[in-house]
Structures are given as C-alpha cells and as structure tokens.
Amino acid sequence: MQIEVAILISGISLAFGVYQGISNMKRSKSKDDKEEASSLTTVIVKLENINAGIVRIEADLSNLRTDFKEDHERLVQLESMCKLLENRVCRIEKSIGGEKE
C-alpha cells in the first residue's frame, strides 16, 4: 500500500488545522474566563461600596431621628414655659390694673 504524497500532506494539514482550532478555543476560553472574573470582581467591589454607603446613610438617619426626638422634647418644654410666662404676664397685668380678661 502506497500512500500518495498529496493524501499524506492533506492528512497532516487536517490534523494541524484541528490541533490549531482546539488550541485557539482553549486560549479564547481562558481569555474569556479572565475577563469574566475581572468583570465580576469589579461588580463585587462596586456592590461593597454601595453597601458601605447604605450603612453610612442608615447611621446618619438614626442620628437624625435622635436629634429630631431631642428637638421635639425641647420644643415641648419651651411651649410649656411660654404658657407659664404668658399666665404670669396676664396675672401681673391684672394686678397692676392693665388689660382685663
């Protein structure tokens, strides 16, 4: 059995083409995997930054609630003091003969 040179060259060329195709697919897959890992890392870092921002906002909101509560209590005290002062002024005016109610 004699193998013709043309068939032998065709077979070698086919084998080399298949080998080259497979190696390119592996290289391409490796490159794609690296790019995907890089993209996922970027997304994870951004999500962590967003989470940190949310935690800071929650802390600030909690502080604001405390401040509002303290301010409300002070306002209630001031209103009470104003009413007392108004009553005193009215009594003083009555005692000196000023405005009568």
PDB file of N, CA and C in Angstrom:
ATOM      1  N   MET A   1       0.831  -1.173   0.000  1.00  0.00           N
ATOM      2  CA  MET A   1       0.000   0.000   0.000  1.00  0.00           C
ATOM      3  C   MET A   1       0.881   1.243   0.000  1.00  0.00           C
ATOM      4  N   GLN A   2       0.682   1.919  -1.013  1.00  0.00           N
ATOM      5  CA  GLN A   2       1.437   3.151  -1.126  1.00  0.00           C
ATOM      6  C   GLN A   2       0.516   4.320  -0.828  1.00  0.00           C
ATOM      7  N   ILE A   3       0.994   5.200  -0.014  1.00  0.00           N
ATOM      8  CA  ILE A   3       0.226   6.396   0.328  1.00  0.00           C
ATOM      9  C   ILE A   3       0.740   7.511  -0.561  1.00  0.00           C
ATOM     10  N   GLU A   4      -0.151   8.114  -1.217  1.00  0.00           N
ATOM     11  CA  GLU A   4       0.262   9.206  -2.086  1.00  0.00           C
ATOM     12  C   GLU A   4       0.662  10.404  -1.242  1.00  0.00           C
ATOM     13  N   VAL A   5       1.572  11.164  -1.763  1.00  0.00           N
ATOM     14  CA  VAL A   5       2.102  12.325  -1.061  1.00  0.00           C
ATOM     15  C   VAL A   5       1.003  13.361  -0.833  1.00  0.00           C
ATOM     16  N   ALA A   6       0.128  13.544  -1.789  1.00  0.00           N
ATOM     17  CA  ALA A   6      -0.934  14.540  -1.661  1.00  0.00           C
ATOM     18  C   ALA A   6      -1.882  14.186  -0.523  1.00  0.00           C
ATOM     19  N   ILE A   7      -2.217  12.902  -0.400  1.00  0.00           N
ATOM     20  CA  ILE A   7      -3.107  12.468   0.681  1.00  0.00           C
ATOM     21  C   ILE A   7      -2.410  12.623   2.026  1.00  0.00           C
ATOM     22  N   LEU A   8      -1.113  12.286   2.060  1.00  0.00           N
ATOM     23  CA  LEU A   8      -0.343  12.419   3.298  1.00  0.00           C
ATOM     24  C   LEU A   8      -0.284  13.885   3.725  1.00  0.00           C
ATOM     25  N   ILE A   9      -0.015  14.789   2.812  1.00  0.00           N
ATOM     26  CA  ILE A   9       0.047  16.217   3.123  1.00  0.00           C
ATOM     27  C   ILE A   9      -1.336  16.712   3.554  1.00  0.00           C
ATOM     28  N   SER A  10      -2.386  16.259   2.900  1.00  0.00           N
ATOM     29  CA  SER A  10      -3.749  16.641   3.271  1.00  0.00           C
ATOM     30  C   SER A  10      -4.067  16.175   4.682  1.00  0.00           C
ATOM     31  N   GLY A  11      -3.679  14.958   5.020  1.00  0.00           N
ATOM     32  CA  GLY A  11      -3.929  14.420   6.367  1.00  0.00           C
ATOM     33  C   GLY A  11      -3.187  15.200   7.429  1.00  0.00           C
ATOM     34  N   ILE A  12      -1.920  15.501   7.139  1.00  0.00           N
ATOM     35  CA  ILE A  12      -1.121  16.284   8.099  1.00  0.00           C
ATOM     36  C   ILE A  12      -1.724  17.681   8.257  1.00  0.00           C
ATOM     37  N   SER A  13      -2.121  18.292   7.150  1.00  0.00           N
ATOM     38  CA  SER A  13      -2.723  19.623   7.191  1.00  0.00           C
ATOM     39  C   SER A  13      -4.022  19.606   7.995  1.00  0.00           C
ATOM     40  N   LEU A  14      -4.819  18.574   7.790  1.00  0.00           N
ATOM     41  CA  LEU A  14      -6.077  18.445   8.527  1.00  0.00           C
ATOM     42  C   LEU A  14      -5.816  18.294  10.023  1.00  0.00           C
ATOM     43  N   ALA A  15      -4.848  17.462  10.379  1.00  0.00           N
ATOM     44  CA  ALA A  15      -4.512  17.254  11.786  1.00  0.00           C
ATOM     45  C   ALA A  15      -4.007  18.547  12.410  1.00  0.00           C
ATOM     46  N   PHE A  16      -3.142  19.265  11.677  1.00  0.00           N
ATOM     47  CA  PHE A  16      -2.615  20.533  12.184  1.00  0.00           C
ATOM     48  C   PHE A  16      -3.738  21.558  12.342  1.00  0.00           C
ATOM     49  N   GLY A  17      -4.669  21.600  11.398  1.00  0.00           N
ATOM     50  CA  GLY A  17      -5.800  22.521  11.476  1.00  0.00           C
ATOM     51  C   GLY A  17      -6.685  22.228  12.676  1.00  0.00           C
ATOM     52  N   VAL A  18      -6.949  20.954  12.918  1.00  0.00           N
ATOM     53  CA  VAL A  18      -7.761  20.561  14.078  1.00  0.00           C
ATOM     54  C   VAL A  18      -7.047  20.937  15.364  1.00  0.00           C
ATOM     55  N   TYR A  19      -5.733  20.653  15.424  1.00  0.00           N
ATOM     56  CA  TYR A  19      -4.939  20.985  16.614  1.00  0.00           C
ATOM     57  C   TYR A  19      -4.965  22.494  16.853  1.00  0.00           C
ATOM     58  N   GLN A  20      -4.756  23.291  15.796  1.00  0.00           N
ATOM     59  CA  GLN A  20      -4.749  24.747  15.902  1.00  0.00           C
ATOM     60  C   GLN A  20      -6.116  25.260  16.363  1.00  0.00           C
ATOM     61  N   GLY A  21      -7.180  24.701  15.838  1.00  0.00           N
ATOM     62  CA  GLY A  21      -8.525  25.105  16.237  1.00  0.00           C
ATOM     63  C   GLY A  21      -8.797  24.829  17.699  1.00  0.00           C
ATOM     64  N   ILE A  22      -8.401  23.656  18.143  1.00  0.00           N
ATOM     65  CA  ILE A  22      -8.617  23.299  19.558  1.00  0.00           C
ATOM     66  C   ILE A  22      -7.797  24.196  20.471  1.00  0.00           C
ATOM     67  N   SER A  23      -6.548  24.467  20.116  1.00  0.00           N
ATOM     68  CA  SER A  23      -5.710  25.319  20.972  1.00  0.00           C
ATOM     69  C   SER A  23      -6.238  26.750  20.993  1.00  0.00           C
ATOM     70  N   ASN A  24      -6.757  27.239  19.876  1.00  0.00           N
ATOM     71  CA  ASN A  24      -7.346  28.582  19.853  1.00  0.00           C
ATOM     72  C   ASN A  24      -8.606  28.643  20.714  1.00  0.00           C
ATOM     73  N   MET A  25      -9.417  27.598  20.693  1.00  0.00           N
ATOM     74  CA  MET A  25     -10.610  27.560  21.534  1.00  0.00           C
ATOM     75  C   MET A  25     -10.227  27.596  23.007  1.00  0.00           C
ATOM     76  N   LYS A  26      -9.189  26.838  23.385  1.00  0.00           N
ATOM     77  CA  LYS A  26      -8.760  26.822  24.787  1.00  0.00           C
ATOM     78  C   LYS A  26      -8.232  28.189  25.195  1.00  0.00           C
ATOM     79  N   ARG A  27      -7.432  28.808  24.328  1.00  0.00           N
ATOM     80  CA  ARG A  27      -6.874  30.125  24.619  1.00  0.00           C
ATOM     81  C   ARG A  27      -7.995  31.153  24.728  1.00  0.00           C
ATOM     82  N   SER A  28      -8.953  31.078  23.836  1.00  0.00           N
ATOM     83  CA  SER A  28     -10.086  32.002  23.847  1.00  0.00           C
ATOM     84  C   SER A  28     -10.914  31.816  25.107  1.00  0.00           C
ATOM     85  N   LYS A  29     -11.146  30.570  25.506  1.00  0.00           N
ATOM     86  CA  LYS A  29     -11.915  30.298  26.726  1.00  0.00           C
ATOM     87  C   LYS A  29     -11.172  30.821  27.945  1.00  0.00           C
ATOM     88  N   SER A  30      -9.866  30.635  27.972  1.00  0.00           N
ATOM     89  CA  SER A  30      -9.070  31.127  29.092  1.00  0.00           C
ATOM     90  C   SER A  30      -9.148  32.649  29.172  1.00  0.00           C
ATOM     91  N   LYS A  31      -9.045  33.310  28.034  1.00  0.00           N
ATOM     92  CA  LYS A  31      -9.135  34.770  27.995  1.00  0.00           C
ATOM     93  C   LYS A  31     -10.516  35.235  28.437  1.00  0.00           C
ATOM     94  N   ASP A  32     -11.557  34.565  27.968  1.00  0.00           N
ATOM     95  CA  ASP A  32     -12.930  34.908  28.367  1.00  0.00           C
ATOM     96  C   ASP A  32     -13.136  34.723  29.856  1.00  0.00           C
ATOM     97  N   ASP A  33     -12.577  33.642  30.401  1.00  0.00           N
ATOM     98  CA  ASP A  33     -12.707  33.396  31.845  1.00  0.00           C
ATOM     99  C   ASP A  33     -12.027  34.501  32.648  1.00  0.00           C
ATOM    100  N   LYS A  34     -10.853  34.943  32.191  1.00  0.00           N
ATOM    101  CA  LYS A  34     -10.151  36.018  32.896  1.00  0.00           C
ATOM    102  C   LYS A  34     -10.957  37.318  32.833  1.00  0.00           C
ATOM    103  N   GLU A  35     -11.504  37.631  31.669  1.00  0.00           N
ATOM    104  CA  GLU A  35     -12.305  38.845  31.526  1.00  0.00           C
ATOM    105  C   GLU A  35     -13.558  38.776  32.391  1.00  0.00           C
ATOM    106  N   GLU A  36     -14.183  37.614  32.438  1.00  0.00           N
ATOM    107  CA  GLU A  36     -15.390  37.455  33.259  1.00  0.00           C
ATOM    108  C   GLU A  36     -15.055  37.602  34.736  1.00  0.00           C
ATOM    109  N   ALA A  37     -13.925  37.017  35.158  1.00  0.00           N
ATOM    110  CA  ALA A  37     -13.512  37.139  36.558  1.00  0.00           C
ATOM    111  C   ALA A  37     -13.226  38.597  36.897  1.00  0.00           C
ATOM    112  N   SER A  38     -12.601  39.310  35.979  1.00  0.00           N
ATOM    113  CA  SER A  38     -12.311  40.725  36.197  1.00  0.00           C
ATOM    114  C   SER A  38     -13.602  41.524  36.310  1.00  0.00           C
ATOM    115  N   SER A  39     -14.553  41.247  35.442  1.00  0.00           N
ATOM    116  CA  SER A  39     -15.838  41.944  35.479  1.00  0.00           C
ATOM    117  C   SER A  39     -16.577  41.647  36.780  1.00  0.00           C
ATOM    118  N   LEU A  40     -16.583  40.393  37.194  1.00  0.00           N
ATOM    119  CA  LEU A  40     -17.265  40.033  38.444  1.00  0.00           C
ATOM    120  C   LEU A  40     -16.607  40.701  39.639  1.00  0.00           C
ATOM    121  N   THR A  41     -15.291  40.779  39.618  1.00  0.00           N
ATOM    122  CA  THR A  41     -14.583  41.441  40.711  1.00  0.00           C
ATOM    123  C   THR A  41     -14.972  42.914  40.774  1.00  0.00           C
ATOM    124  N   THR A  42     -15.048  43.552  39.617  1.00  0.00           N
ATOM    125  CA  THR A  42     -15.444  44.955  39.569  1.00  0.00           C
ATOM    126  C   THR A  42     -16.855  45.133  40.123  1.00  0.00           C
ATOM    127  N   VAL A  43     -17.759  44.268  39.729  1.00  0.00           N
ATOM    128  CA  VAL A  43     -19.144  44.348  40.208  1.00  0.00           C
ATOM    129  C   VAL A  43     -19.201  44.140  41.719  1.00  0.00           C
ATOM    130  N   ILE A  44     -18.444  43.187  42.203  1.00  0.00           N
ATOM    131  CA  ILE A  44     -18.443  42.911  43.645  1.00  0.00           C
ATOM    132  C   ILE A  44     -17.919  44.115  44.422  1.00  0.00           C
ATOM    133  N   VAL A  45     -16.842  44.727  43.931  1.00  0.00           N
ATOM    134  CA  VAL A  45     -16.279  45.898  44.611  1.00  0.00           C
ATOM    135  C   VAL A  45     -17.292  47.039  44.620  1.00  0.00           C
ATOM    136  N   LYS A  46     -17.964  47.249  43.497  1.00  0.00           N
ATOM    137  CA  LYS A  46     -18.965  48.317  43.445  1.00  0.00           C
ATOM    138  C   LYS A  46     -20.123  48.035  44.392  1.00  0.00           C
ATOM    139  N   LEU A  47     -20.557  46.781  44.471  1.00  0.00           N
ATOM    140  CA  LEU A  47     -21.635  46.427  45.400  1.00  0.00           C
ATOM    141  C   LEU A  47     -21.215  46.635  46.850  1.00  0.00           C
ATOM    142  N   GLU A  48     -19.964  46.321  47.156  1.00  0.00           N
ATOM    143  CA  GLU A  48     -19.475  46.543  48.517  1.00  0.00           C
ATOM    144  C   GLU A  48     -19.449  48.035  48.843  1.00  0.00           C
ATOM    145  N   ASN A  49     -19.060  48.855  47.872  1.00  0.00           N
ATOM    146  CA  ASN A  49     -19.070  50.301  48.092  1.00  0.00           C
ATOM    147  C   ASN A  49     -20.493  50.813  48.298  1.00  0.00           C
ATOM    148  N   ILE A  50     -21.426  50.295  47.529  1.00  0.00           N
ATOM    149  CA  ILE A  50     -22.834  50.682  47.699  1.00  0.00           C
ATOM    150  C   ILE A  50     -23.321  50.273  49.080  1.00  0.00           C
ATOM    151  N   ASN A  51     -22.957  49.067  49.501  1.00  0.00           N
ATOM    152  CA  ASN A  51     -23.361  48.585  50.826  1.00  0.00           C
ATOM    153  C   ASN A  51     -22.785  49.481  51.921  1.00  0.00           C
ATOM    154  N   ALA A  52     -21.528  49.880  51.775  1.00  0.00           N
ATOM    155  CA  ALA A  52     -20.909  50.754  52.772  1.00  0.00           C
ATOM    156  C   ALA A  52     -21.639  52.093  52.811  1.00  0.00           C
ATOM    157  N   GLY A  53     -22.029  52.599  51.644  1.00  0.00           N
ATOM    158  CA  GLY A  53     -22.779  53.854  51.595  1.00  0.00           C
ATOM    159  C   GLY A  53     -24.120  53.737  52.283  1.00  0.00           C
ATOM    160  N   ILE A  54     -24.792  52.628  52.074  1.00  0.00           N
ATOM    161  CA  ILE A  54     -26.095  52.398  52.707  1.00  0.00           C
ATOM    162  C   ILE A  54     -25.947  52.330  54.221  1.00  0.00           C
ATOM    163  N   VAL A  55     -24.902  51.686  54.686  1.00  0.00           N
ATOM    164  CA  VAL A  55     -24.672  51.594  56.132  1.00  0.00           C
ATOM    165  C   VAL A  55     -24.453  52.983  56.716  1.00  0.00           C
ATOM    166  N   ARG A  56     -23.670  53.826  55.998  1.00  0.00           N
ATOM    167  CA  ARG A  56     -23.449  55.202  56.478  1.00  0.00           C
ATOM    168  C   ARG A  56     -24.751  55.990  56.490  1.00  0.00           C
ATOM    169  N   ILE A  57     -25.560  55.822  55.470  1.00  0.00           N
ATOM    170  CA  ILE A  57     -26.843  56.530  55.407  1.00  0.00           C
ATOM    171  C   ILE A  57     -27.748  56.089  56.542  1.00  0.00           C
ATOM    172  N   GLU A  58     -27.778  54.791  56.830  1.00  0.00           N
ATOM    173  CA  GLU A  58     -28.598  54.290  57.942  1.00  0.00           C
ATOM    174  C   GLU A  58     -28.130  54.880  59.266  1.00  0.00           C
ATOM    175  N   ALA A  59     -26.811  54.976  59.453  1.00  0.00           N
ATOM    176  CA  ALA A  59     -26.282  55.557  60.691  1.00  0.00           C
ATOM    177  C   ALA A  59     -26.666  57.030  60.791  1.00  0.00           C
ATOM    178  N   ASP A  60     -26.535  57.749  59.677  1.00  0.00           N
ATOM    179  CA  ASP A  60     -26.918  59.166  59.674  1.00  0.00           C
ATOM    180  C   ASP A  60     -28.411  59.330  59.958  1.00  0.00           C
ATOM    181  N   LEU A  61     -29.225  58.472  59.379  1.00  0.00           N
ATOM    182  CA  LEU A  61     -30.670  58.535  59.605  1.00  0.00           C
ATOM    183  C   LEU A  61     -31.003  58.275  61.070  1.00  0.00           C
ATOM    184  N   SER A  62     -30.303  57.329  61.666  1.00  0.00           N
ATOM    185  CA  SER A  62     -30.522  57.039  63.084  1.00  0.00           C
ATOM    186  C   SER A  62     -30.154  58.260  63.933  1.00  0.00           C
ATOM    187  N   ASN A  63     -29.032  58.899  63.583  1.00  0.00           N
ATOM    188  CA  ASN A  63     -28.630  60.108  64.319  1.00  0.00           C
ATOM    189  C   ASN A  63     -29.653  61.224  64.136  1.00  0.00           C
ATOM    190  N   LEU A  64     -30.183  61.358  62.932  1.00  0.00           N
ATOM    191  CA  LEU A  64     -31.201  62.389  62.688  1.00  0.00           C
ATOM    192  C   LEU A  64     -32.460  62.126  63.503  1.00  0.00           C
ATOM    193  N   ARG A  65     -32.841  60.864  63.593  1.00  0.00           N
ATOM    194  CA  ARG A  65     -34.027  60.530  64.395  1.00  0.00           C
ATOM    195  C   ARG A  65     -33.811  60.941  65.849  1.00  0.00           C
ATOM    196  N   THR A  66     -32.622  60.652  66.360  1.00  0.00           N
ATOM    197  CA  THR A  66     -32.310  61.018  67.741  1.00  0.00           C
ATOM    198  C   THR A  66     -32.355  62.533  67.914  1.00  0.00           C
ATOM    199  N   ASP A  67     -31.757  63.242  66.939  1.00  0.00           N
ATOM    200  CA  ASP A  67     -31.760  64.706  67.016  1.00  0.00           C
ATOM    201  C   ASP A  67     -33.184  65.252  66.961  1.00  0.00           C
ATOM    202  N   PHE A  68     -34.022  64.717  66.065  1.00  0.00           N
ATOM    203  CA  PHE A  68     -35.405  65.176  65.971  1.00  0.00           C
ATOM    204  C   PHE A  68     -36.161  64.913  67.270  1.00  0.00           C
ATOM    205  N   LYS A  69     -35.912  63.774  67.864  1.00  0.00           N
ATOM    206  CA  LYS A  69     -36.594  63.443  69.118  1.00  0.00           C
ATOM    207  C   LYS A  69     -36.184  64.424  70.215  1.00  0.00           C
ATOM    208  N   GLU A  70     -34.872  64.713  70.297  1.00  0.00           N
ATOM    209  CA  GLU A  70     -34.387  65.667  71.299  1.00  0.00           C
ATOM    210  C   GLU A  70     -34.964  67.062  71.039  1.00  0.00           C
ATOM    211  N   ASP A  71     -34.981  67.469  69.770  1.00  0.00           N
ATOM    212  CA  ASP A  71     -35.532  68.780  69.432  1.00  0.00           C
ATOM    213  C   ASP A  71     -37.019  68.858  69.768  1.00  0.00           C
ATOM    214  N   HIS A  72     -37.751  67.799  69.531  1.00  0.00           N
ATOM    215  CA  HIS A  72     -39.184  67.777  69.856  1.00  0.00           C
ATOM    216  C   HIS A  72     -39.392  67.936  71.360  1.00  0.00           C
ATOM    217  N   GLU A  73     -38.580  67.218  72.138  1.00  0.00           N
ATOM    218  CA  GLU A  73     -38.715  67.319  73.594  1.00  0.00           C
ATOM    219  C   GLU A  73     -38.405  68.742  74.063  1.00  0.00           C
ATOM    220  N   ARG A  74     -37.386  69.365  73.484  1.00  0.00           N
ATOM    221  CA  ARG A  74     -37.041  70.729  73.855  1.00  0.00           C
ATOM    222  C   ARG A  74     -38.147  71.695  73.446  1.00  0.00           C
ATOM    223  N   LEU A  75     -38.749  71.470  72.293  1.00  0.00           N
ATOM    224  CA  LEU A  75     -39.842  72.322  71.832  1.00  0.00           C
ATOM    225  C   LEU A  75     -41.040  72.226  72.765  1.00  0.00           C
ATOM    226  N   VAL A  76     -41.354  71.020  73.203  1.00  0.00           N
ATOM    227  CA  VAL A  76     -42.463  70.834  74.138  1.00  0.00           C
ATOM    228  C   VAL A  76     -42.176  71.576  75.440  1.00  0.00           C
ATOM    229  N   GLN A  77     -40.936  71.499  75.922  1.00  0.00           N
ATOM    230  CA  GLN A  77     -40.569  72.215  77.146  1.00  0.00           C
ATOM    231  C   GLN A  77     -40.681  73.722  76.954  1.00  0.00           C
ATOM    232  N   LEU A  78     -40.223  74.210  75.795  1.00  0.00           N
ATOM    233  CA  LEU A  78     -40.311  75.656  75.540  1.00  0.00           C
ATOM    234  C   LEU A  78     -41.755  76.117  75.453  1.00  0.00           C
ATOM    235  N   GLU A  79     -42.619  75.344  74.828  1.00  0.00           N
ATOM    236  CA  GLU A  79     -44.037  75.707  74.746  1.00  0.00           C
ATOM    237  C   GLU A  79     -44.647  75.765  76.141  1.00  0.00           C
ATOM    238  N   SER A  80     -44.279  74.803  76.969  1.00  0.00           N
ATOM    239  CA  SER A  80     -44.794  74.784  78.338  1.00  0.00           C
ATOM    240  C   SER A  80     -44.323  76.015  79.108  1.00  0.00           C
ATOM    241  N   MET A  81     -43.053  76.364  78.924  1.00  0.00           N
ATOM    242  CA  MET A  81     -42.513  77.545  79.608  1.00  0.00           C
ATOM    243  C   MET A  81     -43.183  78.818  79.101  1.00  0.00           C
ATOM    244  N   CYS A  82     -43.456  78.874  77.801  1.00  0.00           N
ATOM    245  CA  CYS A  82     -44.130  80.049  77.234  1.00  0.00           C
ATOM    246  C   CYS A  82     -45.533  80.208  77.824  1.00  0.00           C
ATOM    247  N   LYS A  83     -46.233  79.110  77.975  1.00  0.00           N
ATOM    248  CA  LYS A  83     -47.572  79.180  78.566  1.00  0.00           C
ATOM    249  C   LYS A  83     -47.508  79.690  79.998  1.00  0.00           C
ATOM    250  N   LEU A  84     -46.521  79.192  80.746  1.00  0.00           N
ATOM    251  CA  LEU A  84     -46.362  79.664  82.126  1.00  0.00           C
ATOM    252  C   LEU A  84     -46.045  81.157  82.154  1.00  0.00           C
ATOM    253  N   LEU A  85     -45.153  81.588  81.282  1.00  0.00           N
ATOM    254  CA  LEU A  85     -44.802  83.009  81.234  1.00  0.00           C
ATOM    255  C   LEU A  85     -45.998  83.867  80.825  1.00  0.00           C
ATOM    256  N   GLU A  86     -46.779  83.370  79.881  1.00  0.00           N
ATOM    257  CA  GLU A  86     -47.975  84.109  79.450  1.00  0.00           C
ATOM    258  C   GLU A  86     -48.948  84.268  80.615  1.00  0.00           C
ATOM    259  N   ASN A  87     -49.123  83.180  81.386  1.00  0.00           N
ATOM    260  CA  ASN A  87     -50.009  83.259  82.561  1.00  0.00           C
ATOM    261  C   ASN A  87     -49.477  84.276  83.575  1.00  0.00           C
ATOM    262  N   ARG A  88     -48.179  84.286  83.789  1.00  0.00           N
ATOM    263  CA  ARG A  88     -47.587  85.233  84.737  1.00  0.00           C
ATOM    264  C   ARG A  88     -47.797  86.667  84.262  1.00  0.00           C
ATOM    265  N   VAL A  89     -47.576  86.892  82.962  1.00  0.00           N
ATOM    266  CA  VAL A  89     -47.756  88.241  82.418  1.00  0.00           C
ATOM    267  C   VAL A  89     -49.202  88.681  82.594  1.00  0.00           C
ATOM    268  N   CYS A  90     -50.116  87.770  82.316  1.00  0.00           N
ATOM    269  CA  CYS A  90     -51.542  88.103  82.485  1.00  0.00           C
ATOM    270  C   CYS A  90     -51.849  88.455  83.929  1.00  0.00           C
ATOM    271  N   ARG A  91     -51.328  87.689  84.860  1.00  0.00           N
ATOM    272  CA  ARG A  91     -51.565  87.967  86.280  1.00  0.00           C
ATOM    273  C   ARG A  91     -50.954  89.296  86.693  1.00  0.00           C
ATOM    274  N   ILE A  92     -49.770  89.589  86.194  1.00  0.00           N
ATOM    275  CA  ILE A  92     -49.112  90.859  86.537  1.00  0.00           C
ATOM    276  C   ILE A  92     -49.918  92.021  85.978  1.00  0.00           C
ATOM    277  N   GLU A  93     -50.395  91.875  84.728  1.00  0.00           N
ATOM    278  CA  GLU A  93     -51.203  92.933  84.120  1.00  0.00           C
ATOM    279  C   GLU A  93     -52.488  93.157  84.921  1.00  0.00           C
ATOM    280  N   LYS A  94     -53.085  92.067  85.374  1.00  0.00           N
ATOM    281  CA  LYS A  94     -54.309  92.209  86.168  1.00  0.00           C
ATOM    282  C   LYS A  94     -54.016  92.908  87.485  1.00  0.00           C
ATOM    283  N   SER A  95     -52.866  92.535  88.072  1.00  0.00           N
ATOM    284  CA  SER A  95     -52.565  93.118  89.386  1.00  0.00           C
ATOM    285  C   SER A  95     -52.224  94.605  89.312  1.00  0.00           C
ATOM    286  N   ILE A  96     -51.676  95.051  88.170  1.00  0.00           N
ATOM    287  CA  ILE A  96     -51.358  96.483  88.061  1.00  0.00           C
ATOM    288  C   ILE A  96     -52.487  97.264  87.392  1.00  0.00           C
ATOM    289  N   GLY A  97     -53.569  96.575  87.105  1.00  0.00           N
ATOM    290  CA  GLY A  97     -54.750  97.249  86.565  1.00  0.00           C
ATOM    291  C   GLY A  97     -54.693  97.438  85.071  1.00  0.00           C
ATOM    292  N   GLY A  98     -53.980  96.623  84.408  1.00  0.00           N
ATOM    293  CA  GLY A  98     -53.880  96.744  82.960  1.00  0.00           C
ATOM    294  C   GLY A  98     -55.023  96.050  82.262  1.00  0.00           C
ATOM    295  N   GLU A  99     -54.753  95.328  81.275  1.00  0.00           N
ATOM    296  CA  GLU A  99     -55.762  94.654  80.442  1.00  0.00           C
ATOM    297  C   GLU A  99     -56.543  93.658  81.261  1.00  0.00           C
ATOM    298  N   LYS A 100     -57.875  93.673  81.067  1.00  0.00           N
ATOM    299  CA  LYS A 100     -58.726  92.757  81.841  1.00  0.00           C
ATOM    300  C   LYS A 100     -59.314  91.732  80.902  1.00  0.00           C
ATOM    301  N   GLU A 101     -59.396  90.526  81.418  1.00  0.00           N
ATOM    302  CA  GLU A 101     -59.958  89.429  80.596  1.00  0.00           C
ATOM    303  C   GLU A 101     -61.362  89.128  81.003  1.00  0.00           C
TER     304      GLU A 101
END
